[in-house]
Amino acid sequence: MGEAMSEHLSTTMRIQRARLDLTQAGLAERAGVTRKSVNAIEAGHMVPSTILALKLAKVLGVTVEELFAIELRPD
C-alpha cells in the first residue's frame, strides 16, 4: 500500500519579501495585517483568507499562484 498524503500550503512569501527588501513588519503594514500573521503564514501555521492572499500578492507584485501552492506531503 502507498503512503497516505495530505495537502499543505507552501509559500514563497519569504523569498518575495527578500526580493523587495521588506521585513515581515513592513509587509504586514502594507497589507494591513499584523507581523504575527505574516510570520504564521510563512511558518505554515496559518492559511490566509482569499482576501489576505490577494492583498499579500498585490503588495509583493506577484500573482497568488506565484505566492502560494498546494503541496502534497506524507502524513
N, C-alpha and C. Protein backbone atom coordinates (compact mmCIF):
# COMPACT_ATOMS: atom_id res chain seq x y z
N MET A 1 0.83 -1.19 0.00
CA MET A 1 0.00 0.00 0.00
C MET A 1 0.87 1.25 0.00
N GLY A 2 0.37 2.31 -0.64
CA GLY A 2 1.10 3.57 -0.69
C GLY A 2 0.95 4.36 0.60
N GLU A 3 1.84 5.27 0.78
CA GLU A 3 1.82 6.14 1.96
C GLU A 3 0.71 7.17 1.81
N ALA A 4 0.01 7.46 2.91
CA ALA A 4 -1.05 8.46 2.88
C ALA A 4 -0.43 9.85 2.72
N MET A 5 -1.06 10.66 1.89
CA MET A 5 -0.57 12.01 1.63
C MET A 5 -1.63 13.02 2.04
N SER A 6 -1.18 14.20 2.46
CA SER A 6 -2.12 15.27 2.78
C SER A 6 -1.64 16.56 2.13
N GLU A 7 -2.58 17.47 1.94
CA GLU A 7 -2.28 18.74 1.28
C GLU A 7 -1.87 19.79 2.30
N HIS A 8 -0.83 20.55 1.97
CA HIS A 8 -0.35 21.65 2.80
C HIS A 8 -0.12 22.85 1.90
N LEU A 9 -0.24 24.03 2.47
CA LEU A 9 0.00 25.25 1.72
C LEU A 9 1.48 25.61 1.81
N SER A 10 2.12 25.77 0.66
CA SER A 10 3.50 26.26 0.66
C SER A 10 3.48 27.70 0.14
N THR A 11 4.49 28.46 0.52
CA THR A 11 4.53 29.86 0.11
C THR A 11 5.94 30.31 -0.21
N THR A 12 6.04 31.24 -1.14
CA THR A 12 7.31 31.86 -1.48
C THR A 12 7.41 33.26 -0.85
N MET A 13 6.58 33.51 0.15
CA MET A 13 6.48 34.84 0.73
C MET A 13 7.83 35.36 1.23
N ARG A 14 8.60 34.52 1.90
CA ARG A 14 9.90 34.94 2.43
C ARG A 14 10.82 35.38 1.27
N ILE A 15 10.82 34.61 0.19
CA ILE A 15 11.64 34.93 -0.98
C ILE A 15 11.17 36.24 -1.62
N GLN A 16 9.86 36.39 -1.75
CA GLN A 16 9.31 37.60 -2.37
C GLN A 16 9.61 38.83 -1.51
N ARG A 17 9.54 38.68 -0.20
CA ARG A 17 9.88 39.79 0.71
C ARG A 17 11.34 40.19 0.54
N ALA A 18 12.22 39.19 0.48
CA ALA A 18 13.66 39.44 0.35
C ALA A 18 13.95 40.16 -0.98
N ARG A 19 13.25 39.77 -2.03
CA ARG A 19 13.43 40.39 -3.34
C ARG A 19 13.15 41.90 -3.27
N LEU A 20 12.18 42.28 -2.43
CA LEU A 20 11.80 43.68 -2.28
C LEU A 20 12.44 44.34 -1.06
N ASP A 21 13.30 43.60 -0.38
CA ASP A 21 13.96 44.09 0.84
C ASP A 21 12.94 44.54 1.88
N LEU A 22 11.91 43.72 2.07
CA LEU A 22 10.84 44.01 3.04
C LEU A 22 10.97 43.10 4.25
N THR A 23 10.80 43.65 5.43
CA THR A 23 10.73 42.84 6.64
C THR A 23 9.30 42.30 6.77
N GLN A 24 9.12 41.37 7.70
CA GLN A 24 7.76 40.90 7.98
C GLN A 24 6.88 42.07 8.41
N ALA A 25 7.44 42.94 9.24
CA ALA A 25 6.69 44.10 9.72
C ALA A 25 6.32 45.04 8.58
N GLY A 26 7.25 45.24 7.65
CA GLY A 26 6.98 46.11 6.50
C GLY A 26 5.89 45.56 5.62
N LEU A 27 5.95 44.26 5.36
CA LEU A 27 4.91 43.63 4.55
C LEU A 27 3.57 43.70 5.27
N ALA A 28 3.59 43.41 6.55
CA ALA A 28 2.35 43.43 7.34
C ALA A 28 1.69 44.81 7.28
N GLU A 29 2.50 45.85 7.44
CA GLU A 29 1.97 47.21 7.42
C GLU A 29 1.33 47.53 6.07
N ARG A 30 2.01 47.16 5.00
CA ARG A 30 1.48 47.44 3.65
C ARG A 30 0.23 46.64 3.33
N ALA A 31 0.13 45.43 3.91
CA ALA A 31 -1.03 44.58 3.64
C ALA A 31 -2.16 44.79 4.65
N GLY A 32 -1.89 45.56 5.70
CA GLY A 32 -2.92 45.84 6.70
C GLY A 32 -3.19 44.70 7.66
N VAL A 33 -2.12 43.94 7.97
CA VAL A 33 -2.26 42.83 8.94
C VAL A 33 -1.15 42.96 9.98
N THR A 34 -1.13 42.05 10.93
CA THR A 34 -0.07 42.09 11.95
C THR A 34 1.16 41.33 11.46
N ARG A 35 2.30 41.65 12.06
CA ARG A 35 3.52 40.93 11.74
C ARG A 35 3.39 39.46 12.14
N LYS A 36 2.66 39.22 13.23
CA LYS A 36 2.45 37.84 13.68
C LYS A 36 1.71 37.02 12.62
N SER A 37 0.77 37.65 11.93
CA SER A 37 0.05 36.95 10.85
C SER A 37 1.00 36.59 9.72
N VAL A 38 1.84 37.53 9.32
CA VAL A 38 2.82 37.27 8.25
C VAL A 38 3.74 36.13 8.69
N ASN A 39 4.22 36.18 9.92
CA ASN A 39 5.09 35.13 10.44
C ASN A 39 4.39 33.78 10.44
N ALA A 40 3.15 33.74 10.88
CA ALA A 40 2.40 32.48 10.95
C ALA A 40 2.18 31.88 9.56
N ILE A 41 1.91 32.72 8.58
CA ILE A 41 1.72 32.23 7.21
C ILE A 41 3.03 31.68 6.68
N GLU A 42 4.12 32.43 6.86
CA GLU A 42 5.43 31.97 6.38
C GLU A 42 5.85 30.66 7.05
N ALA A 43 5.52 30.49 8.32
CA ALA A 43 5.90 29.28 9.06
C ALA A 43 4.97 28.11 8.78
N GLY A 44 3.88 28.36 8.05
CA GLY A 44 2.95 27.28 7.73
C GLY A 44 1.96 26.98 8.83
N HIS A 45 1.82 27.90 9.79
CA HIS A 45 0.89 27.71 10.90
C HIS A 45 -0.48 28.34 10.64
N MET A 46 -0.58 29.14 9.58
CA MET A 46 -1.83 29.83 9.28
C MET A 46 -2.05 29.82 7.77
N VAL A 47 -3.27 29.55 7.36
CA VAL A 47 -3.66 29.64 5.95
C VAL A 47 -4.41 30.96 5.79
N PRO A 48 -3.93 31.84 4.91
CA PRO A 48 -4.58 33.14 4.78
C PRO A 48 -5.94 33.03 4.10
N SER A 49 -6.81 33.97 4.41
CA SER A 49 -8.09 34.05 3.70
C SER A 49 -7.80 34.42 2.25
N THR A 50 -8.77 34.26 1.40
CA THR A 50 -8.61 34.64 0.00
C THR A 50 -8.28 36.13 -0.12
N ILE A 51 -8.97 36.95 0.65
CA ILE A 51 -8.73 38.39 0.61
C ILE A 51 -7.30 38.72 1.03
N LEU A 52 -6.84 38.11 2.10
CA LEU A 52 -5.47 38.36 2.57
C LEU A 52 -4.45 37.86 1.55
N ALA A 53 -4.69 36.70 0.96
CA ALA A 53 -3.77 36.18 -0.06
C ALA A 53 -3.67 37.14 -1.24
N LEU A 54 -4.80 37.70 -1.65
CA LEU A 54 -4.80 38.67 -2.74
C LEU A 54 -4.06 39.95 -2.36
N LYS A 55 -4.27 40.43 -1.14
CA LYS A 55 -3.58 41.63 -0.66
C LYS A 55 -2.07 41.41 -0.63
N LEU A 56 -1.64 40.28 -0.07
CA LEU A 56 -0.22 39.98 0.03
C LEU A 56 0.42 39.89 -1.36
N ALA A 57 -0.25 39.22 -2.28
CA ALA A 57 0.27 39.09 -3.64
C ALA A 57 0.39 40.46 -4.30
N LYS A 58 -0.61 41.30 -4.11
CA LYS A 58 -0.58 42.64 -4.71
C LYS A 58 0.58 43.46 -4.16
N VAL A 59 0.76 43.45 -2.83
CA VAL A 59 1.86 44.20 -2.21
C VAL A 59 3.20 43.69 -2.73
N LEU A 60 3.32 42.38 -2.92
CA LEU A 60 4.59 41.79 -3.35
C LEU A 60 4.77 41.81 -4.87
N GLY A 61 3.73 42.21 -5.60
CA GLY A 61 3.84 42.33 -7.05
C GLY A 61 3.90 41.01 -7.79
N VAL A 62 3.22 40.00 -7.23
CA VAL A 62 3.18 38.68 -7.86
C VAL A 62 1.73 38.19 -7.88
N THR A 63 1.49 37.10 -8.60
CA THR A 63 0.15 36.50 -8.59
C THR A 63 0.00 35.63 -7.34
N VAL A 64 -1.22 35.33 -6.99
CA VAL A 64 -1.47 34.44 -5.85
C VAL A 64 -0.83 33.08 -6.11
N GLU A 65 -0.89 32.63 -7.38
CA GLU A 65 -0.30 31.34 -7.72
C GLU A 65 1.21 31.33 -7.58
N GLU A 66 1.86 32.49 -7.76
CA GLU A 66 3.31 32.58 -7.55
C GLU A 66 3.64 32.60 -6.06
N LEU A 67 2.70 33.08 -5.26
CA LEU A 67 2.92 33.23 -3.83
C LEU A 67 2.57 31.98 -3.03
N PHE A 68 1.52 31.28 -3.47
CA PHE A 68 1.04 30.10 -2.74
C PHE A 68 0.84 28.91 -3.66
N ALA A 69 1.07 27.72 -3.13
CA ALA A 69 0.82 26.49 -3.87
C ALA A 69 0.39 25.40 -2.89
N ILE A 70 -0.32 24.42 -3.41
CA ILE A 70 -0.70 23.26 -2.60
C ILE A 70 0.36 22.19 -2.81
N GLU A 71 0.88 21.72 -1.69
CA GLU A 71 1.97 20.74 -1.70
C GLU A 71 1.47 19.46 -1.05
N LEU A 72 1.75 18.33 -1.66
CA LEU A 72 1.39 17.04 -1.07
C LEU A 72 2.56 16.55 -0.23
N ARG A 73 2.25 16.15 1.01
CA ARG A 73 3.28 15.63 1.92
C ARG A 73 2.79 14.33 2.55
N PRO A 74 3.70 13.46 2.89
CA PRO A 74 3.30 12.23 3.60
C PRO A 74 2.72 12.59 4.97
N ASP A 75 1.73 11.83 5.38
CA ASP A 75 1.14 12.04 6.72
C ASP A 75 2.08 11.60 7.81
